Amino acid sequence: MKVGFIGLGGIGKPMAINIAKSGFDLTVTDLREQPLKELAQYGARIVKNPREVAESAEIVLASLPSNVVSEQVALSTDGVIAGAKNGDIYVELSTISPEVVHTIARHAAEKGVTLLDAPVSGGLDQRLEGTLSIMVGGDEKAVAKAMPVFKAFGDKVFHAGESGAGASVKLVNNLLCGINMVATMEALVLGVKAGLSVQTLKEVISASSGGSKVFNGLVDTISTRSPIPPYGQTANQGLHTIGKDVKLAVELAQNLSVPLTLGSTALQPFLAGLANGWADKENWVIMEIFEQMSDVRVRPPELTDLE
């Protein structure tokens, strides 16, 4: 099966590598030279733009950062739909709004191309191991045809429903994740201000009703890792990503007239972090905001310098 992949960022590159490792005939493109060189080492063919990717593949996947970029990659003159053929499948792995999914799907259908929206979930380990969760919306037959490719980078594939369902369930999931992140940071600040150690909070809460997967992962991360990526590297869990996802979830709720008492509030620290110019730092950088507001330091001193 001939597969194409567009977007070799922190999430896309490990997925593309796992596809190549699984033996698929892979063609890729990206705006950056370095990830292209890495994929070439795994036997991937390098081309100039999304249209050339689509011309050489039966199934094209894209992992992109925003609604705007997804529309450009899909619908521009050198985009995927321009190069795709009748019967091809285009898989949008990006976390984007359902409205954009429907727009791309409509244009794809005019050319006989089936769109699947299939955002993924999982941390760095899951990306590298090929054990991501995949939430798919779209035609059931197309999902079945794409399944061997999905299995190259995911171990849990959920067919959520019709076109747009994958995008919707991913936004709901990441809304909950964002709320849990903010709640965890507030709880840690409160506990430390009350005289408790982070280790005590971790041991008690992880074994009690306040614990969660987000809490367990975040308390370890903010205690041991700087939010500033190493020189020359991009963030693995960038603030721009979760901030964008929570914002899209809030916008979806507004479009559907659903009040989000917690979700709308949880969005504010992410927006503040983005306003501070922290978009390209790791998402736990917003712990700085909670620490400053409460005049307390939760993280070790060597992890609190953002200069």
Protein backbone atom coordinates (compact mmCIF):
# COMPACT_ATOMS: atom_id res chain seq x y z
CA MET A 1 0.00 0.00 0.00
CA LYS A 2 1.33 3.43 -0.95
CA VAL A 3 1.06 5.89 1.93
CA GLY A 4 1.75 9.63 2.13
CA PHE A 5 2.45 11.70 5.24
CA ILE A 6 2.46 15.48 5.67
CA GLY A 7 3.67 17.26 8.79
CA LEU A 8 6.70 15.86 10.60
CA GLY A 9 6.49 17.74 13.88
CA GLY A 10 6.67 16.45 17.43
CA ILE A 11 3.63 14.24 16.91
CA GLY A 12 3.75 13.58 13.18
CA LYS A 13 7.37 12.50 12.88
CA PRO A 14 7.13 9.49 15.23
CA MET A 15 3.94 8.37 13.49
CA ALA A 16 5.57 8.62 10.08
CA ILE A 17 8.62 6.72 11.31
CA ASN A 18 6.44 3.91 12.63
CA ILE A 19 4.59 3.74 9.31
CA ALA A 20 7.92 3.45 7.48
CA LYS A 21 9.14 0.79 9.92
CA SER A 22 5.99 -1.23 9.21
CA GLY A 23 7.04 -1.65 5.59
CA PHE A 24 4.69 0.73 3.80
CA ASP A 25 5.82 2.54 0.64
CA LEU A 26 5.98 6.01 2.21
CA THR A 27 6.19 9.48 0.67
CA VAL A 28 6.54 12.52 2.93
CA THR A 29 6.81 16.29 2.93
CA ASP A 30 7.40 19.01 5.51
CA LEU A 31 8.53 22.63 5.58
CA ARG A 32 11.64 21.71 7.59
CA GLU A 33 14.69 19.96 6.19
CA GLN A 34 15.86 18.07 9.29
CA PRO A 35 12.81 15.80 9.79
CA LEU A 36 12.82 15.04 6.07
CA LYS A 37 16.41 13.85 6.36
CA GLU A 38 15.42 11.63 9.28
CA LEU A 39 12.54 10.05 7.36
CA ALA A 40 14.77 9.46 4.36
CA GLN A 41 16.93 7.29 6.59
CA TYR A 42 13.90 5.04 7.06
CA GLY A 43 13.38 4.71 3.31
CA ALA A 44 10.75 7.41 2.83
CA ARG A 45 10.58 9.27 -0.48
CA ILE A 46 10.80 13.07 -0.13
CA VAL A 47 8.69 15.42 -2.28
CA LYS A 48 8.13 19.18 -2.37
CA ASN A 49 4.48 19.67 -1.45
CA PRO A 50 1.22 17.97 -0.37
CA ARG A 51 0.00 17.69 -3.96
CA GLU A 52 2.98 15.53 -4.89
CA VAL A 53 2.41 13.40 -1.80
CA ALA A 54 -1.18 12.75 -2.85
CA GLU A 55 -0.19 11.99 -6.44
CA SER A 56 2.03 9.15 -5.24
CA ALA A 57 -0.19 7.62 -2.54
CA GLU A 58 -3.49 5.82 -1.99
CA ILE A 59 -3.82 6.97 1.61
CA VAL A 60 -2.49 10.36 2.70
CA LEU A 61 -2.19 11.36 6.36
CA ALA A 62 -1.57 14.86 7.70
CA SER A 63 -0.55 16.00 11.19
CA LEU A 64 -0.83 19.79 11.28
CA PRO A 65 -0.96 22.57 13.89
CA SER A 66 -4.15 24.52 13.19
CA ASN A 67 -7.43 24.96 11.32
CA VAL A 68 -5.82 27.41 8.91
CA VAL A 69 -2.90 25.14 8.02
CA SER A 70 -5.18 22.12 7.62
CA GLU A 71 -7.34 24.00 5.11
CA GLN A 72 -4.29 25.24 3.20
CA VAL A 73 -2.68 21.80 3.00
CA ALA A 74 -5.93 20.20 1.89
CA LEU A 75 -7.40 22.80 -0.45
CA SER A 76 -4.65 24.97 -1.94
CA THR A 77 -3.41 24.67 -5.52
CA ASP A 78 -0.55 22.46 -4.32
CA GLY A 79 -2.73 20.76 -1.73
CA VAL A 80 -3.77 17.20 -1.13
CA ILE A 81 -7.14 17.31 -2.88
CA ALA A 82 -5.54 18.76 -6.02
CA GLY A 83 -3.27 15.72 -6.28
CA ALA A 84 -5.61 13.03 -4.98
CA LYS A 85 -7.36 10.50 -7.20
CA ASN A 86 -10.83 8.98 -7.19
CA GLY A 87 -10.96 6.32 -4.48
CA ASP A 88 -8.13 7.76 -2.38
CA ILE A 89 -8.42 8.32 1.37
CA TYR A 90 -7.25 11.47 3.14
CA VAL A 91 -6.74 11.15 6.90
CA GLU A 92 -6.70 14.35 8.98
CA LEU A 93 -4.76 13.47 12.13
CA SER A 94 -4.75 17.09 13.28
CA THR A 95 -6.88 18.33 16.15
CA ILE A 96 -9.10 20.81 14.34
CA SER A 97 -12.69 21.99 14.54
CA PRO A 98 -15.49 19.78 13.15
CA GLU A 99 -16.50 22.67 10.88
CA VAL A 100 -13.15 22.55 9.10
CA VAL A 101 -13.43 18.77 8.83
CA HIS A 102 -16.78 19.15 7.09
CA THR A 103 -15.39 21.78 4.70
CA ILE A 104 -12.47 19.58 3.67
CA ALA A 105 -14.73 16.51 3.43
CA ARG A 106 -17.08 18.32 1.07
CA HIS A 107 -14.29 19.35 -1.29
CA ALA A 108 -12.74 15.87 -1.11
CA ALA A 109 -16.04 14.18 -1.98
CA GLU A 110 -16.33 16.29 -5.14
CA LYS A 111 -13.22 14.49 -6.40
CA GLY A 112 -14.19 11.04 -5.17
CA VAL A 113 -11.84 11.21 -2.17
CA THR A 114 -12.95 10.08 1.29
CA LEU A 115 -11.89 12.13 4.30
CA LEU A 116 -11.37 10.57 7.72
CA ASP A 117 -10.81 12.82 10.72
CA ALA A 118 -8.59 10.81 13.04
CA PRO A 119 -6.89 12.83 15.80
CA VAL A 120 -4.65 10.93 18.19
CA SER A 121 -3.95 10.93 21.91
CA GLY A 122 -0.90 9.86 23.87
CA GLY A 123 2.38 11.10 25.25
CA LEU A 124 5.91 10.91 23.90
CA ASP A 125 6.38 7.27 24.90
CA GLN A 126 3.21 6.26 23.06
CA ARG A 127 4.29 8.16 19.95
CA LEU A 128 7.66 6.43 19.87
CA GLU A 129 6.24 2.98 20.67
CA GLY A 130 3.38 3.26 18.17
CA THR A 131 0.72 2.82 20.86
CA LEU A 132 -1.34 5.99 20.41
CA SER A 133 -5.12 6.08 20.73
CA ILE A 134 -6.84 7.08 17.48
CA MET A 135 -10.35 8.58 17.31
CA VAL A 136 -11.81 8.25 13.82
CA GLY A 137 -14.80 9.87 12.20
CA GLY A 138 -16.01 8.96 8.72
CA ASP A 139 -17.03 6.15 6.39
CA GLU A 140 -16.77 2.69 7.94
CA LYS A 141 -15.37 1.06 4.79
CA ALA A 142 -12.66 3.70 4.53
CA VAL A 143 -11.79 3.16 8.19
CA ALA A 144 -11.39 -0.57 7.52
CA LYS A 145 -9.16 0.10 4.51
CA ALA A 146 -6.98 2.50 6.49
CA MET A 147 -6.79 0.21 9.54
CA PRO A 148 -3.42 -1.41 8.66
CA VAL A 149 -1.88 2.06 8.53
CA PHE A 150 -3.53 3.09 11.80
CA LYS A 151 -2.16 -0.03 13.47
CA ALA A 152 1.37 1.05 12.54
CA PHE A 153 1.23 3.89 15.08
CA GLY A 154 -1.77 3.13 17.31
CA ASP A 155 -2.96 0.23 19.43
CA LYS A 156 -6.45 1.55 20.15
CA VAL A 157 -8.61 2.70 17.23
CA PHE A 158 -12.08 4.03 18.05
CA HIS A 159 -14.58 4.60 15.23
CA ALA A 160 -16.46 7.47 16.86
CA GLY A 161 -19.09 7.93 14.14
CA GLU A 162 -19.64 9.99 11.01
CA SER A 163 -17.38 12.70 9.61
CA GLY A 164 -16.43 15.17 12.33
CA ALA A 165 -16.97 12.73 15.19
CA GLY A 166 -13.26 12.09 15.61
CA ALA A 167 -12.55 15.80 15.88
CA SER A 168 -15.40 16.30 18.34
CA VAL A 169 -14.41 13.52 20.73
CA LYS A 170 -10.78 14.66 20.66
CA LEU A 171 -11.80 18.19 21.63
CA VAL A 172 -13.94 16.85 24.48
CA ASN A 173 -11.03 14.69 25.66
CA ASN A 174 -8.53 17.55 25.53
CA LEU A 175 -10.95 19.89 27.26
CA LEU A 176 -11.03 17.45 30.18
CA CYS A 177 -7.26 17.14 30.02
CA GLY A 178 -6.83 20.92 30.16
CA ILE A 179 -9.24 21.25 33.08
CA ASN A 180 -7.36 18.51 34.95
CA MET A 181 -4.03 20.22 34.26
CA VAL A 182 -5.22 23.52 35.69
CA ALA A 183 -6.83 21.80 38.69
CA THR A 184 -3.63 19.87 39.38
CA MET A 185 -1.50 23.01 39.32
CA GLU A 186 -3.87 24.89 41.60
CA ALA A 187 -3.96 21.96 44.03
CA LEU A 188 -0.17 21.70 44.15
CA VAL A 189 0.20 25.43 44.77
CA LEU A 190 -2.36 25.29 47.58
CA GLY A 191 -0.74 22.26 49.17
CA VAL A 192 2.78 23.70 49.10
CA LYS A 193 1.53 27.06 50.39
CA ALA A 194 -0.07 25.14 53.28
CA GLY A 195 3.31 23.65 54.16
CA LEU A 196 3.07 20.26 52.43
CA SER A 197 5.80 18.80 50.26
CA VAL A 198 5.19 17.90 46.63
CA GLN A 199 6.20 14.33 47.43
CA THR A 200 3.56 14.06 50.16
CA LEU A 201 0.90 15.50 47.86
CA LYS A 202 1.91 13.06 45.13
CA GLU A 203 1.83 9.99 47.38
CA VAL A 204 -1.50 10.82 49.03
CA ILE A 205 -3.44 12.12 46.04
CA SER A 206 -2.28 9.44 43.61
CA ALA A 207 -3.65 6.83 46.04
CA SER A 208 -6.86 8.73 46.79
CA SER A 209 -10.01 10.01 45.13
CA GLY A 210 -8.35 13.19 43.85
CA GLY A 211 -5.88 11.28 41.71
CA SER A 212 -5.99 10.99 37.92
CA LYS A 213 -3.80 10.05 34.99
CA VAL A 214 -3.22 13.73 34.32
CA PHE A 215 -2.28 14.40 37.95
CA ASN A 216 0.19 11.52 38.10
CA GLY A 217 1.92 12.51 34.88
CA LEU A 218 1.94 16.25 35.50
CA VAL A 219 3.24 16.21 39.07
CA ASP A 220 6.26 14.17 37.97
CA THR A 221 6.87 16.30 34.90
CA ILE A 222 6.77 19.71 36.55
CA SER A 223 9.05 18.44 39.33
CA THR A 224 11.76 17.04 37.08
CA ARG A 225 11.68 18.72 33.65
CA SER A 226 12.19 22.26 32.46
CA PRO A 227 9.45 23.67 30.24
CA ILE A 228 12.14 25.06 27.94
CA PRO A 229 13.02 22.58 25.15
CA PRO A 230 16.72 21.78 24.69
CA TYR A 231 18.51 24.03 22.22
CA GLY A 232 17.59 23.19 18.64
CA GLN A 233 14.63 21.00 19.63
CA THR A 234 10.90 21.64 19.59
CA ALA A 235 8.53 21.04 22.48
CA ASN A 236 7.09 17.54 22.73
CA GLN A 237 3.94 18.83 24.45
CA GLY A 238 3.88 22.46 23.42
CA LEU A 239 1.66 25.03 25.11
CA HIS A 240 0.40 26.10 21.68
CA THR A 241 -1.12 22.64 21.17
CA ILE A 242 -3.15 22.19 24.35
CA GLY A 243 -3.99 25.89 24.39
CA LYS A 244 -5.37 25.65 20.87
CA ASP A 245 -7.31 22.48 21.66
CA VAL A 246 -9.02 23.89 24.77
CA LYS A 247 -9.87 27.05 22.84
CA LEU A 248 -11.41 24.99 20.01
CA ALA A 249 -13.44 23.01 22.55
CA VAL A 250 -14.78 26.22 24.09
CA GLU A 251 -15.64 27.54 20.62
CA LEU A 252 -17.44 24.28 19.80
CA ALA A 253 -19.49 24.66 22.98
CA GLN A 254 -20.36 28.23 22.06
CA ASN A 255 -21.51 27.11 18.61
CA LEU A 256 -23.72 24.47 20.21
CA SER A 257 -24.97 26.77 23.02
CA VAL A 258 -23.45 24.56 25.70
CA PRO A 259 -22.28 26.42 28.85
CA LEU A 260 -18.78 25.43 30.03
CA THR A 261 -18.44 26.72 33.56
CA LEU A 262 -15.11 24.98 34.18
CA GLY A 263 -13.87 24.75 30.62
CA SER A 264 -14.10 28.47 29.92
CA THR A 265 -12.28 29.22 33.18
CA ALA A 266 -9.57 26.62 32.52
CA LEU A 267 -8.85 28.23 29.16
CA GLN A 268 -7.67 31.47 30.77
CA PRO A 269 -4.25 30.30 32.09
CA PHE A 270 -3.46 28.82 28.67
CA LEU A 271 -4.35 32.12 26.99
CA ALA A 272 -2.21 33.98 29.54
CA GLY A 273 0.73 31.70 28.79
CA LEU A 274 0.33 32.27 25.06
CA ALA A 275 0.11 36.01 25.65
CA ASN A 276 3.40 35.80 27.55
CA GLY A 277 5.07 34.39 24.45
CA TRP A 278 5.35 30.83 25.78
CA ALA A 279 3.68 29.08 22.83
CA ASP A 280 6.76 27.04 21.93
CA LYS A 281 7.55 25.99 25.50
CA GLU A 282 6.22 22.80 27.10
CA ASN A 283 2.63 23.08 28.30
CA TRP A 284 3.46 22.94 32.02
CA VAL A 285 5.15 26.33 31.65
CA ILE A 286 1.88 27.88 32.91
CA MET A 287 2.76 26.60 36.41
CA GLU A 288 4.77 29.84 36.53
CA ILE A 289 1.50 31.79 36.48
CA PHE A 290 -0.01 29.93 39.44
CA GLU A 291 3.21 30.20 41.43
CA GLN A 292 3.45 33.95 40.82
CA MET A 293 -0.16 34.61 41.77
CA SER A 294 0.25 32.75 45.08
CA ASP A 295 3.83 33.81 45.82
CA VAL A 296 4.98 30.23 46.27
CA ARG A 297 7.40 27.95 44.43
CA VAL A 298 6.30 24.38 43.78
CA ARG A 299 9.05 23.44 41.33
CA PRO A 300 12.73 23.13 42.15
CA PRO A 301 14.59 26.46 41.69
CA GLU A 302 16.56 25.20 38.70
CA LEU A 303 13.31 24.60 36.78
CA THR A 304 11.73 28.03 37.32
CA ASP A 305 13.92 30.32 35.21
CA LEU A 306 12.18 31.25 31.96
CA GLU A 307 14.78 33.75 30.74
